[in-house]
Amino acid sequence: MNITLNNVGITDTVENNRMIADNLLEAARQVEPGNTKIISYIEGTNGTVQVESWWNITSDGKPYLTTMILKPVE
């Protein structure tokens, strides 16, 4: 994941980590019961990354991130 992020200009900084976390928190608002796939995008200085996140709902009703895949947008 680090290589994919670095290639689009998203380096490991507090600000960029916050941007990624905010993106995932926004995706969590869309989770429905069952296995939910959410597609979102993060813009870097050199390109865009597609974030494919897979979610479930825990027994107490909270969204749980099970898988995250980053793909460069061509």
N, C-alpha and C. Protein backbone atom coordinates (compact mmCIF):
# COMPACT_ATOMS: atom_id res chain seq x y z
N MET A 1 0.82 -1.19 0.00
CA MET A 1 0.00 0.00 0.00
C MET A 1 0.86 1.25 0.00
N ASN A 2 1.97 1.19 0.72
CA ASN A 2 2.84 2.36 0.82
C ASN A 2 3.35 2.79 -0.56
N ILE A 3 3.73 1.82 -1.39
CA ILE A 3 4.23 2.14 -2.73
C ILE A 3 3.15 2.81 -3.56
N THR A 4 1.94 2.26 -3.51
CA THR A 4 0.81 2.83 -4.26
C THR A 4 0.56 4.26 -3.83
N LEU A 5 0.54 4.50 -2.54
CA LEU A 5 0.29 5.85 -2.03
C LEU A 5 1.44 6.80 -2.42
N ASN A 6 2.67 6.36 -2.25
CA ASN A 6 3.81 7.21 -2.60
C ASN A 6 3.82 7.56 -4.08
N ASN A 7 3.45 6.61 -4.93
CA ASN A 7 3.46 6.87 -6.37
C ASN A 7 2.51 7.97 -6.79
N VAL A 8 1.44 8.17 -6.05
CA VAL A 8 0.49 9.25 -6.39
C VAL A 8 0.74 10.50 -5.55
N GLY A 9 1.80 10.49 -4.75
CA GLY A 9 2.17 11.68 -4.00
C GLY A 9 1.55 11.78 -2.62
N ILE A 10 1.11 10.66 -2.08
CA ILE A 10 0.55 10.66 -0.72
C ILE A 10 1.59 10.00 0.18
N THR A 11 2.42 10.82 0.81
CA THR A 11 3.49 10.31 1.67
C THR A 11 2.97 10.07 3.08
N ASP A 12 3.79 9.42 3.89
CA ASP A 12 3.41 9.06 5.25
C ASP A 12 3.60 10.26 6.19
N THR A 13 2.56 11.10 6.23
CA THR A 13 2.57 12.25 7.14
C THR A 13 1.30 12.21 7.98
N VAL A 14 1.29 12.97 9.04
CA VAL A 14 0.11 13.03 9.91
C VAL A 14 -1.10 13.52 9.11
N GLU A 15 -0.90 14.52 8.29
CA GLU A 15 -2.00 15.08 7.51
C GLU A 15 -2.57 14.06 6.52
N ASN A 16 -1.68 13.37 5.81
CA ASN A 16 -2.14 12.38 4.85
C ASN A 16 -2.78 11.17 5.53
N ASN A 17 -2.23 10.76 6.66
CA ASN A 17 -2.85 9.66 7.41
C ASN A 17 -4.26 10.05 7.86
N ARG A 18 -4.43 11.29 8.25
CA ARG A 18 -5.74 11.79 8.66
C ARG A 18 -6.70 11.79 7.46
N MET A 19 -6.20 12.18 6.28
CA MET A 19 -7.01 12.20 5.07
C MET A 19 -7.50 10.77 4.75
N ILE A 20 -6.62 9.79 4.88
CA ILE A 20 -6.99 8.40 4.62
C ILE A 20 -8.02 7.93 5.65
N ALA A 21 -7.79 8.25 6.91
CA ALA A 21 -8.73 7.87 7.97
C ALA A 21 -10.09 8.52 7.75
N ASP A 22 -10.11 9.79 7.37
CA ASP A 22 -11.37 10.48 7.10
C ASP A 22 -12.12 9.82 5.94
N ASN A 23 -11.37 9.40 4.91
CA ASN A 23 -11.97 8.72 3.77
C ASN A 23 -12.65 7.42 4.23
N LEU A 24 -11.98 6.67 5.09
CA LEU A 24 -12.55 5.42 5.58
C LEU A 24 -13.74 5.66 6.52
N LEU A 25 -13.67 6.70 7.33
CA LEU A 25 -14.79 7.02 8.21
C LEU A 25 -16.03 7.40 7.40
N GLU A 26 -15.82 8.11 6.30
CA GLU A 26 -16.93 8.46 5.42
C GLU A 26 -17.51 7.19 4.79
N ALA A 27 -16.66 6.28 4.37
CA ALA A 27 -17.12 5.01 3.80
C ALA A 27 -17.93 4.22 4.82
N ALA A 28 -17.51 4.26 6.08
CA ALA A 28 -18.20 3.51 7.13
C ALA A 28 -19.65 3.96 7.30
N ARG A 29 -19.95 5.19 6.94
CA ARG A 29 -21.32 5.69 7.05
C ARG A 29 -22.26 5.03 6.04
N GLN A 30 -21.69 4.40 5.00
CA GLN A 30 -22.48 3.80 3.93
C GLN A 30 -22.69 2.29 4.12
N VAL A 31 -22.12 1.73 5.17
CA VAL A 31 -22.15 0.28 5.37
C VAL A 31 -23.56 -0.18 5.71
N GLU A 32 -23.94 -1.29 5.08
CA GLU A 32 -25.23 -1.91 5.32
C GLU A 32 -25.00 -3.30 5.87
N PRO A 33 -26.01 -3.92 6.46
CA PRO A 33 -25.84 -5.28 6.98
C PRO A 33 -25.34 -6.22 5.89
N GLY A 34 -24.50 -7.16 6.28
CA GLY A 34 -23.89 -8.08 5.33
C GLY A 34 -22.51 -7.59 4.94
N ASN A 35 -21.92 -8.21 3.97
CA ASN A 35 -20.59 -7.83 3.48
C ASN A 35 -20.76 -6.70 2.47
N THR A 36 -20.32 -5.50 2.82
CA THR A 36 -20.52 -4.32 1.99
C THR A 36 -19.20 -3.86 1.37
N LYS A 37 -19.20 -3.64 0.07
CA LYS A 37 -18.04 -3.11 -0.64
C LYS A 37 -18.29 -1.64 -0.93
N ILE A 38 -17.35 -0.79 -0.53
CA ILE A 38 -17.44 0.65 -0.77
C ILE A 38 -16.24 1.06 -1.62
N ILE A 39 -16.50 1.78 -2.71
CA ILE A 39 -15.43 2.32 -3.55
C ILE A 39 -15.36 3.83 -3.31
N SER A 40 -14.16 4.31 -3.01
CA SER A 40 -13.95 5.74 -2.84
C SER A 40 -12.60 6.10 -3.47
N TYR A 41 -12.29 7.37 -3.48
CA TYR A 41 -11.06 7.83 -4.14
C TYR A 41 -10.34 8.83 -3.26
N ILE A 42 -9.01 8.80 -3.33
CA ILE A 42 -8.16 9.76 -2.63
C ILE A 42 -7.24 10.40 -3.66
N GLU A 43 -7.21 11.73 -3.67
CA GLU A 43 -6.38 12.49 -4.60
C GLU A 43 -5.01 12.77 -3.99
N GLY A 44 -3.97 12.45 -4.75
CA GLY A 44 -2.61 12.81 -4.36
C GLY A 44 -2.10 13.89 -5.29
N THR A 45 -0.89 14.34 -5.07
CA THR A 45 -0.33 15.39 -5.92
C THR A 45 0.06 14.87 -7.31
N ASN A 46 0.25 13.55 -7.44
CA ASN A 46 0.66 12.96 -8.72
C ASN A 46 -0.38 12.02 -9.31
N GLY A 47 -1.55 11.95 -8.73
CA GLY A 47 -2.57 11.05 -9.25
C GLY A 47 -3.62 10.72 -8.20
N THR A 48 -4.41 9.69 -8.51
CA THR A 48 -5.54 9.31 -7.67
C THR A 48 -5.46 7.82 -7.34
N VAL A 49 -5.89 7.48 -6.15
CA VAL A 49 -5.95 6.09 -5.70
C VAL A 49 -7.42 5.73 -5.47
N GLN A 50 -7.80 4.57 -5.99
CA GLN A 50 -9.13 4.02 -5.69
C GLN A 50 -9.00 3.19 -4.41
N VAL A 51 -9.88 3.44 -3.47
CA VAL A 51 -9.90 2.70 -2.22
C VAL A 51 -11.10 1.76 -2.27
N GLU A 52 -10.81 0.46 -2.30
CA GLU A 52 -11.87 -0.55 -2.25
C GLU A 52 -11.88 -1.07 -0.82
N SER A 53 -12.90 -0.74 -0.08
CA SER A 53 -12.98 -1.18 1.31
C SER A 53 -14.18 -2.12 1.49
N TRP A 54 -13.95 -3.18 2.23
CA TRP A 54 -14.98 -4.17 2.52
C TRP A 54 -15.31 -4.10 4.00
N TRP A 55 -16.61 -4.11 4.30
CA TRP A 55 -17.08 -3.88 5.66
C TRP A 55 -18.11 -4.93 6.08
N ASN A 56 -18.19 -5.16 7.37
CA ASN A 56 -19.26 -5.93 8.00
C ASN A 56 -19.79 -5.11 9.16
N ILE A 57 -20.93 -5.51 9.67
CA ILE A 57 -21.49 -4.89 10.87
C ILE A 57 -21.25 -5.85 12.03
N THR A 58 -20.68 -5.35 13.12
CA THR A 58 -20.45 -6.18 14.29
C THR A 58 -21.77 -6.46 15.02
N SER A 59 -21.73 -7.36 15.97
CA SER A 59 -22.94 -7.73 16.71
C SER A 59 -23.53 -6.55 17.49
N ASP A 60 -22.70 -5.55 17.80
CA ASP A 60 -23.22 -4.36 18.50
C ASP A 60 -23.61 -3.24 17.53
N GLY A 61 -23.64 -3.56 16.21
CA GLY A 61 -24.14 -2.61 15.22
C GLY A 61 -23.15 -1.63 14.65
N LYS A 62 -21.87 -1.81 14.94
CA LYS A 62 -20.85 -0.88 14.44
C LYS A 62 -20.20 -1.43 13.17
N PRO A 63 -19.86 -0.55 12.21
CA PRO A 63 -19.16 -1.01 11.02
C PRO A 63 -17.74 -1.45 11.35
N TYR A 64 -17.31 -2.52 10.69
CA TYR A 64 -16.00 -3.09 10.91
C TYR A 64 -15.31 -3.27 9.56
N LEU A 65 -14.16 -2.64 9.38
CA LEU A 65 -13.39 -2.73 8.15
C LEU A 65 -12.68 -4.08 8.12
N THR A 66 -13.01 -4.91 7.11
CA THR A 66 -12.40 -6.23 7.01
C THR A 66 -11.24 -6.26 6.02
N THR A 67 -11.36 -5.49 4.92
CA THR A 67 -10.32 -5.49 3.89
C THR A 67 -10.25 -4.12 3.24
N MET A 68 -9.02 -3.70 2.91
CA MET A 68 -8.84 -2.46 2.18
C MET A 68 -7.82 -2.72 1.07
N ILE A 69 -8.20 -2.38 -0.17
CA ILE A 69 -7.33 -2.55 -1.32
C ILE A 69 -7.17 -1.20 -2.00
N LEU A 70 -5.92 -0.81 -2.25
CA LEU A 70 -5.64 0.44 -2.94
C LEU A 70 -5.22 0.14 -4.36
N LYS A 71 -5.81 0.85 -5.31
CA LYS A 71 -5.50 0.67 -6.73
C LYS A 71 -5.23 2.03 -7.36
N PRO A 72 -4.10 2.17 -8.06
CA PRO A 72 -3.88 3.44 -8.77
C PRO A 72 -4.90 3.60 -9.88
N VAL A 73 -5.38 4.81 -10.07
CA VAL A 73 -6.32 5.11 -11.15
C VAL A 73 -5.49 5.52 -12.36
N GLU A 74 -5.68 4.83 -13.44
CA GLU A 74 -4.92 5.11 -14.68
C GLU A 74 -5.52 6.27 -15.41
